[in-house]
């Protein structure tokens, strides 16, 4: 770990969904377009993975997927119009500060940076802003990795609190608003991905909070 948060290159999905880091998986889905990313998102293995995700997070897969990505130029143009550019800005910016009024953008960015600093990480602003969805997911992936490999139970518990607090204060504080805007536009694939990400994040928060409550009762 070099202390920098960057967008990861999507790994080839394995056969076992539980073996995948879903924070990193979703970060790869929403990272900047490339021919390689398009091939992955439009491939058969990803569509199979998507059905497995739906079954895991919602109990059953949908009967059909929401549209498809016809070719790379269409995918790139759609991504840029939705998330990156536009005459008055992108339709659905993937940054927390665009979807919340609880604080000014500079304060939200500073809060995120302070969270990252707990692990000695610094956001790579040349890739994505500090409060960008991909940056936030990469941070959560780092927290999860360290927690699962931490032999000290006290430190592991601190990392669990860090994950819980970041989910509640940041990621889940703005995903509903972004999801609502994206659903109205109804482009292929991305509304489903954002919906599944929100479901996953909410489930993680619920699970961590329940584990914390059980630990408090047993202490």
C-alpha atoms as a PDB file:
ATOM      1  CA  UNK A   1       0.000   0.000   0.000  1.00  0.00           C
ATOM      2  CA  UNK A   2       1.640   3.226  -1.165  1.00  0.00           C
ATOM      3  CA  UNK A   3      -0.618   5.681   0.668  1.00  0.00           C
ATOM      4  CA  UNK A   4      -2.525   6.740  -2.451  1.00  0.00           C
ATOM      5  CA  UNK A   5      -6.111   5.966  -3.336  1.00  0.00           C
ATOM      6  CA  UNK A   6      -6.435   5.055  -6.989  1.00  0.00           C
ATOM      7  CA  UNK A   7      -9.020   3.418  -9.204  1.00  0.00           C
ATOM      8  CA  UNK A   8      -8.247  -0.255  -9.494  1.00  0.00           C
ATOM      9  CA  UNK A   9      -8.186  -2.223 -12.720  1.00  0.00           C
ATOM     10  CA  UNK A  10     -11.099  -4.659 -12.616  1.00  0.00           C
ATOM     11  CA  UNK A  11     -10.032  -8.169 -11.848  1.00  0.00           C
ATOM     12  CA  UNK A  12     -11.436 -11.117 -13.706  1.00  0.00           C
ATOM     13  CA  UNK A  13     -14.398 -12.257 -11.626  1.00  0.00           C
ATOM     14  CA  UNK A  14     -13.849 -15.564  -9.872  1.00  0.00           C
ATOM     15  CA  UNK A  15     -16.445 -18.290  -9.486  1.00  0.00           C
ATOM     16  CA  UNK A  16     -17.187 -17.506  -5.820  1.00  0.00           C
ATOM     17  CA  UNK A  17     -18.912 -14.189  -5.242  1.00  0.00           C
ATOM     18  CA  UNK A  18     -18.048 -14.212  -1.543  1.00  0.00           C
ATOM     19  CA  UNK A  19     -14.352 -14.199  -2.418  1.00  0.00           C
ATOM     20  CA  UNK A  20     -14.623 -10.842  -4.214  1.00  0.00           C
ATOM     21  CA  UNK A  21     -14.075  -7.480  -2.562  1.00  0.00           C
ATOM     22  CA  UNK A  22     -17.361  -5.848  -3.546  1.00  0.00           C
ATOM     23  CA  UNK A  23     -16.158  -2.368  -2.623  1.00  0.00           C
ATOM     24  CA  UNK A  24     -13.427  -2.726  -5.244  1.00  0.00           C
ATOM     25  CA  UNK A  25     -15.791  -4.392  -7.669  1.00  0.00           C
ATOM     26  CA  UNK A  26     -18.196  -1.447  -7.585  1.00  0.00           C
ATOM     27  CA  UNK A  27     -15.264   0.984  -7.750  1.00  0.00           C
ATOM     28  CA  UNK A  28     -14.192  -0.709 -10.969  1.00  0.00           C
ATOM     29  CA  UNK A  29     -17.730  -0.481 -12.376  1.00  0.00           C
ATOM     30  CA  UNK A  30     -17.883   3.288 -11.857  1.00  0.00           C
ATOM     31  CA  UNK A  31     -14.293   4.102 -12.827  1.00  0.00           C
ATOM     32  CA  UNK A  32     -13.430   6.044 -15.965  1.00  0.00           C
ATOM     33  CA  UNK A  33     -14.234   4.333 -19.271  1.00  0.00           C
ATOM     34  CA  UNK A  34     -11.623   2.402 -21.181  1.00  0.00           C
ATOM     35  CA  UNK A  35     -11.814  -0.268 -23.900  1.00  0.00           C
ATOM     36  CA  UNK A  36     -10.772  -2.877 -21.347  1.00  0.00           C
ATOM     37  CA  UNK A  37     -13.451  -1.788 -18.886  1.00  0.00           C
ATOM     38  CA  UNK A  38     -16.079  -1.832 -21.633  1.00  0.00           C
ATOM     39  CA  UNK A  39     -15.091  -5.376 -22.617  1.00  0.00           C
ATOM     40  CA  UNK A  40     -15.411  -6.440 -18.987  1.00  0.00           C
ATOM     41  CA  UNK A  41     -18.770  -4.723 -18.363  1.00  0.00           C
ATOM     42  CA  UNK A  42     -20.300  -6.050 -21.566  1.00  0.00           C
ATOM     43  CA  UNK A  43     -18.902  -9.563 -21.247  1.00  0.00           C
ATOM     44  CA  UNK A  44     -20.752 -12.725 -20.325  1.00  0.00           C
ATOM     45  CA  UNK A  45     -18.820 -13.259 -17.095  1.00  0.00           C
ATOM     46  CA  UNK A  46     -19.845  -9.836 -15.794  1.00  0.00           C
ATOM     47  CA  UNK A  47     -23.504 -10.405 -16.645  1.00  0.00           C
ATOM     48  CA  UNK A  48     -23.335 -13.678 -14.724  1.00  0.00           C
ATOM     49  CA  UNK A  49     -21.714 -11.874 -11.824  1.00  0.00           C
ATOM     50  CA  UNK A  50     -24.439  -9.225 -11.913  1.00  0.00           C
ATOM     51  CA  UNK A  51     -27.143 -11.860 -11.609  1.00  0.00           C
ATOM     52  CA  UNK A  52     -25.294 -13.382  -8.654  1.00  0.00           C
ATOM     53  CA  UNK A  53     -25.099  -9.953  -7.029  1.00  0.00           C
ATOM     54  CA  UNK A  54     -28.835  -9.418  -7.447  1.00  0.00           C
ATOM     55  CA  UNK A  55     -29.557 -12.812  -5.915  1.00  0.00           C
ATOM     56  CA  UNK A  56     -27.195 -12.118  -3.009  1.00  0.00           C
ATOM     57  CA  UNK A  57     -28.463  -8.605  -2.266  1.00  0.00           C
ATOM     58  CA  UNK A  58     -32.157  -8.924  -3.161  1.00  0.00           C
ATOM     59  CA  UNK A  59     -32.905 -12.615  -2.846  1.00  0.00           C
ATOM     60  CA  UNK A  60     -33.521 -13.159  -6.555  1.00  0.00           C
ATOM     61  CA  UNK A  61     -32.123 -12.006  -9.890  1.00  0.00           C
ATOM     62  CA  UNK A  62     -34.221  -9.907 -12.245  1.00  0.00           C
ATOM     63  CA  UNK A  63     -35.748 -11.556 -15.277  1.00  0.00           C
ATOM     64  CA  UNK A  64     -33.652  -9.400 -17.596  1.00  0.00           C
ATOM     65  CA  UNK A  65     -30.895  -6.841 -17.330  1.00  0.00           C
ATOM     66  CA  UNK A  66     -31.626  -3.165 -17.813  1.00  0.00           C
ATOM     67  CA  UNK A  67     -30.373  -2.544 -21.325  1.00  0.00           C
ATOM     68  CA  UNK A  68     -26.899  -3.175 -22.647  1.00  0.00           C
ATOM     69  CA  UNK A  69     -23.815  -1.289 -23.800  1.00  0.00           C
ATOM     70  CA  UNK A  70     -23.841  -1.509 -27.605  1.00  0.00           C
ATOM     71  CA  UNK A  71     -20.258  -0.389 -28.301  1.00  0.00           C
ATOM     72  CA  UNK A  72     -17.368   1.412 -26.682  1.00  0.00           C
ATOM     73  CA  UNK A  73     -18.025   4.909 -28.151  1.00  0.00           C
ATOM     74  CA  UNK A  74     -21.631   4.767 -26.898  1.00  0.00           C
ATOM     75  CA  UNK A  75     -20.510   3.603 -23.463  1.00  0.00           C
ATOM     76  CA  UNK A  76     -17.843   6.303 -23.217  1.00  0.00           C
ATOM     77  CA  UNK A  77     -20.208   9.061 -24.353  1.00  0.00           C
ATOM     78  CA  UNK A  78     -22.915   7.917 -21.937  1.00  0.00           C
ATOM     79  CA  UNK A  79     -20.512   7.747 -18.986  1.00  0.00           C
ATOM     80  CA  UNK A  80     -19.109  11.201 -19.673  1.00  0.00           C
ATOM     81  CA  UNK A  81     -22.554  12.778 -20.102  1.00  0.00           C
ATOM     82  CA  UNK A  82     -23.900  11.156 -16.965  1.00  0.00           C
ATOM     83  CA  UNK A  83     -20.986  11.569 -14.614  1.00  0.00           C
ATOM     84  CA  UNK A  84     -18.300  13.911 -15.951  1.00  0.00           C
ATOM     85  CA  UNK A  85     -19.284  16.701 -18.386  1.00  0.00           C
ATOM     86  CA  UNK A  86     -22.214  18.821 -19.583  1.00  0.00           C
ATOM     87  CA  UNK A  87     -23.172  22.419 -20.413  1.00  0.00           C
ATOM     88  CA  UNK A  88     -24.294  22.993 -16.815  1.00  0.00           C
ATOM     89  CA  UNK A  89     -22.314  20.109 -15.367  1.00  0.00           C
ATOM     90  CA  UNK A  90     -22.825  16.343 -15.537  1.00  0.00           C
ATOM     91  CA  UNK A  91     -26.311  14.949 -15.000  1.00  0.00           C
ATOM     92  CA  UNK A  92     -25.333  12.865 -11.957  1.00  0.00           C
ATOM     93  CA  UNK A  93     -21.894  13.829 -10.603  1.00  0.00           C
ATOM     94  CA  UNK A  94     -20.350  10.941  -8.695  1.00  0.00           C
ATOM     95  CA  UNK A  95     -19.197  13.224  -5.874  1.00  0.00           C
ATOM     96  CA  UNK A  96     -20.759  13.514  -2.439  1.00  0.00           C
ATOM     97  CA  UNK A  97     -20.640  17.320  -2.352  1.00  0.00           C
ATOM     98  CA  UNK A  98     -23.007  17.518  -5.346  1.00  0.00           C
ATOM     99  CA  UNK A  99     -25.802  15.641  -3.545  1.00  0.00           C
ATOM    100  CA  UNK A 100     -25.866  16.984   0.002  1.00  0.00           C
ATOM    101  CA  UNK A 101     -26.501  20.314   1.668  1.00  0.00           C
ATOM    102  CA  UNK A 102     -25.387  19.407   5.181  1.00  0.00           C
ATOM    103  CA  UNK A 103     -22.052  21.172   4.666  1.00  0.00           C
ATOM    104  CA  UNK A 104     -20.220  23.211   2.035  1.00  0.00           C
ATOM    105  CA  UNK A 105     -18.213  21.157  -0.498  1.00  0.00           C
ATOM    106  CA  UNK A 106     -14.861  22.107   1.047  1.00  0.00           C
ATOM    107  CA  UNK A 107     -15.951  20.778   4.443  1.00  0.00           C
ATOM    108  CA  UNK A 108     -17.181  17.516   2.962  1.00  0.00           C
ATOM    109  CA  UNK A 109     -13.904  17.023   1.117  1.00  0.00           C
ATOM    110  CA  UNK A 110     -11.939  17.798   4.280  1.00  0.00           C
ATOM    111  CA  UNK A 111     -13.988  15.287   6.263  1.00  0.00           C
ATOM    112  CA  UNK A 112     -13.207  12.606   3.684  1.00  0.00           C
ATOM    113  CA  UNK A 113      -9.515  13.468   3.685  1.00  0.00           C
ATOM    114  CA  UNK A 114      -9.472  13.247   7.484  1.00  0.00           C
ATOM    115  CA  UNK A 115     -10.996   9.767   7.326  1.00  0.00           C
ATOM    116  CA  UNK A 116      -8.394   8.692   4.772  1.00  0.00           C
ATOM    117  CA  UNK A 117      -5.646  10.115   6.950  1.00  0.00           C
ATOM    118  CA  UNK A 118      -6.501   7.668   9.729  1.00  0.00           C
ATOM    119  CA  UNK A 119      -4.903   4.994   7.531  1.00  0.00           C
ATOM    120  CA  UNK A 120      -2.174   7.299   6.254  1.00  0.00           C
ATOM    121  CA  UNK A 121      -3.808   7.487   2.831  1.00  0.00           C
ATOM    122  CA  UNK A 122      -4.014  10.483   0.528  1.00  0.00           C
ATOM    123  CA  UNK A 123      -6.519  10.764  -2.342  1.00  0.00           C
ATOM    124  CA  UNK A 124      -5.027  10.865  -5.815  1.00  0.00           C
ATOM    125  CA  UNK A 125      -6.826  14.030  -6.927  1.00  0.00           C
ATOM    126  CA  UNK A 126      -5.396  13.722 -10.424  1.00  0.00           C
ATOM    127  CA  UNK A 127      -7.567  10.611 -10.855  1.00  0.00           C
ATOM    128  CA  UNK A 128     -10.726  11.409  -8.840  1.00  0.00           C
ATOM    129  CA  UNK A 129     -11.702  14.058  -6.265  1.00  0.00           C
ATOM    130  CA  UNK A 130     -11.455  13.201  -2.578  1.00  0.00           C
ATOM    131  CA  UNK A 131     -15.247  12.857  -2.249  1.00  0.00           C
ATOM    132  CA  UNK A 132     -15.714  10.895  -5.480  1.00  0.00           C
ATOM    133  CA  UNK A 133     -17.548   7.577  -5.329  1.00  0.00           C
ATOM    134  CA  UNK A 134     -14.552   5.599  -6.551  1.00  0.00           C
ATOM    135  CA  UNK A 135     -12.218   7.211  -4.013  1.00  0.00           C
ATOM    136  CA  UNK A 136     -14.663   6.488  -1.198  1.00  0.00           C
ATOM    137  CA  UNK A 137     -15.049   2.864  -2.282  1.00  0.00           C
ATOM    138  CA  UNK A 138     -11.294   2.380  -2.541  1.00  0.00           C
ATOM    139  CA  UNK A 139     -10.954   3.720   1.004  1.00  0.00           C
ATOM    140  CA  UNK A 140     -13.608   1.326   2.298  1.00  0.00           C
ATOM    141  CA  UNK A 141     -11.842  -1.532   0.520  1.00  0.00           C
ATOM    142  CA  UNK A 142      -8.588  -0.586   2.260  1.00  0.00           C
ATOM    143  CA  UNK A 143     -10.310  -0.459   5.655  1.00  0.00           C
ATOM    144  CA  UNK A 144     -11.948  -3.825   5.041  1.00  0.00           C
ATOM    145  CA  UNK A 145      -8.670  -5.438   3.958  1.00  0.00           C
ATOM    146  CA  UNK A 146      -6.781  -4.158   6.985  1.00  0.00           C
ATOM    147  CA  UNK A 147      -9.570  -5.169   9.355  1.00  0.00           C
ATOM    148  CA  UNK A 148      -9.761  -8.703   8.022  1.00  0.00           C
ATOM    149  CA  UNK A 149      -5.981  -9.129   8.286  1.00  0.00           C
ATOM    150  CA  UNK A 150      -5.514  -7.457  11.673  1.00  0.00           C
ATOM    151  CA  UNK A 151      -4.529 -10.000  14.359  1.00  0.00           C
ATOM    152  CA  UNK A 152      -5.131  -7.549  17.219  1.00  0.00           C
ATOM    153  CA  UNK A 153      -8.831  -7.658  18.131  1.00  0.00           C
ATOM    154  CA  UNK A 154      -8.781  -4.122  19.533  1.00  0.00           C
ATOM    155  CA  UNK A 155      -7.326  -2.653  16.348  1.00  0.00           C
ATOM    156  CA  UNK A 156      -9.709  -4.724  14.238  1.00  0.00           C
ATOM    157  CA  UNK A 157     -12.622  -3.293  16.222  1.00  0.00           C
ATOM    158  CA  UNK A 158     -11.344   0.238  15.629  1.00  0.00           C
ATOM    159  CA  UNK A 159     -11.185  -0.451  11.895  1.00  0.00           C
ATOM    160  CA  UNK A 160     -14.710  -1.815  12.027  1.00  0.00           C
ATOM    161  CA  UNK A 161     -15.893   1.429  13.637  1.00  0.00           C
ATOM    162  CA  UNK A 162     -14.052   3.380  10.958  1.00  0.00           C
ATOM    163  CA  UNK A 163     -15.860   1.474   8.218  1.00  0.00           C
ATOM    164  CA  UNK A 164     -19.210   1.892   9.961  1.00  0.00           C
ATOM    165  CA  UNK A 165     -18.777   5.612  10.540  1.00  0.00           C
ATOM    166  CA  UNK A 166     -17.660   6.300   6.969  1.00  0.00           C
ATOM    167  CA  UNK A 167     -20.575   4.343   5.529  1.00  0.00           C
ATOM    168  CA  UNK A 168     -23.076   6.232   7.675  1.00  0.00           C
ATOM    169  CA  UNK A 169     -21.600   9.715   7.470  1.00  0.00           C
ATOM    170  CA  UNK A 170     -20.483   9.709   3.866  1.00  0.00           C
ATOM    171  CA  UNK A 171     -21.297   6.976   1.351  1.00  0.00           C
ATOM    172  CA  UNK A 172     -24.881   6.295   2.434  1.00  0.00           C
ATOM    173  CA  UNK A 173     -25.591   9.964   3.081  1.00  0.00           C
ATOM    174  CA  UNK A 174     -25.575  10.816  -0.635  1.00  0.00           C
ATOM    175  CA  UNK A 175     -26.123   7.604  -2.615  1.00  0.00           C
ATOM    176  CA  UNK A 176     -29.958   7.782  -2.324  1.00  0.00           C
ATOM    177  CA  UNK A 177     -30.061  11.229  -3.970  1.00  0.00           C
ATOM    178  CA  UNK A 178     -27.701  10.167  -6.752  1.00  0.00           C
ATOM    179  CA  UNK A 179     -29.649   6.946  -7.290  1.00  0.00           C
ATOM    180  CA  UNK A 180     -32.925   8.862  -7.610  1.00  0.00           C
ATOM    181  CA  UNK A 181     -31.480  11.206 -10.257  1.00  0.00           C
ATOM    182  CA  UNK A 182     -29.933   8.339 -12.202  1.00  0.00           C
ATOM    183  CA  UNK A 183     -33.145   6.306 -12.126  1.00  0.00           C
ATOM    184  CA  UNK A 184     -35.072   9.174 -13.730  1.00  0.00           C
ATOM    185  CA  UNK A 185     -32.614   9.254 -16.641  1.00  0.00           C
ATOM    186  CA  UNK A 186     -32.812   5.448 -17.006  1.00  0.00           C
ATOM    187  CA  UNK A 187     -29.587   4.775 -18.950  1.00  0.00           C
ATOM    188  CA  UNK A 188     -28.407   1.199 -19.478  1.00  0.00           C
ATOM    189  CA  UNK A 189     -26.722  -0.698 -16.621  1.00  0.00           C
ATOM    190  CA  UNK A 190     -25.685   2.124 -14.270  1.00  0.00           C
ATOM    191  CA  UNK A 191     -29.007   2.552 -12.380  1.00  0.00           C
ATOM    192  CA  UNK A 192     -28.914  -1.142 -11.514  1.00  0.00           C
ATOM    193  CA  UNK A 193     -25.280  -0.921 -10.430  1.00  0.00           C
ATOM    194  CA  UNK A 194     -25.925   2.089  -8.199  1.00  0.00           C
ATOM    195  CA  UNK A 195     -29.012   0.415  -6.740  1.00  0.00           C
ATOM    196  CA  UNK A 196     -27.016  -2.726  -5.904  1.00  0.00           C
ATOM    197  CA  UNK A 197     -24.179  -0.672  -4.445  1.00  0.00           C
ATOM    198  CA  UNK A 198     -26.588   1.161  -2.136  1.00  0.00           C
ATOM    199  CA  UNK A 199     -28.135  -2.151  -1.051  1.00  0.00           C
ATOM    200  CA  UNK A 200     -24.707  -3.604  -0.363  1.00  0.00           C
ATOM    201  CA  UNK A 201     -23.505  -0.573   1.608  1.00  0.00           C
ATOM    202  CA  UNK A 202     -26.697  -0.552   3.683  1.00  0.00           C
ATOM    203  CA  UNK A 203     -26.325  -4.261   4.423  1.00  0.00           C
ATOM    204  CA  UNK A 204     -22.714  -3.761   5.477  1.00  0.00           C
ATOM    205  CA  UNK A 205     -23.692  -0.939   7.821  1.00  0.00           C
ATOM    206  CA  UNK A 206     -26.464  -3.052   9.327  1.00  0.00           C
ATOM    207  CA  UNK A 207     -24.160  -6.044   9.772  1.00  0.00           C
ATOM    208  CA  UNK A 208     -21.371  -4.036  11.389  1.00  0.00           C
ATOM    209  CA  UNK A 209     -23.806  -2.236  13.698  1.00  0.00           C
ATOM    210  CA  UNK A 210     -25.358  -5.548  14.759  1.00  0.00           C
ATOM    211  CA  UNK A 211     -21.932  -7.052  15.465  1.00  0.00           C
ATOM    212  CA  UNK A 212     -21.034  -4.002  17.542  1.00  0.00           C
ATOM    213  CA  UNK A 213     -24.266  -4.299  19.546  1.00  0.00           C
ATOM    214  CA  UNK A 214     -23.656  -7.981  20.230  1.00  0.00           C
ATOM    215  CA  UNK A 215     -20.126  -7.216  21.357  1.00  0.00           C
ATOM    216  CA  UNK A 216     -21.363  -4.550  23.761  1.00  0.00           C
ATOM    217  CA  UNK A 217     -23.934  -6.936  25.261  1.00  0.00           C
ATOM    218  CA  UNK A 218     -21.321  -9.647  25.796  1.00  0.00           C
ATOM    219  CA  UNK A 219     -18.728  -7.368  27.365  1.00  0.00           C
END
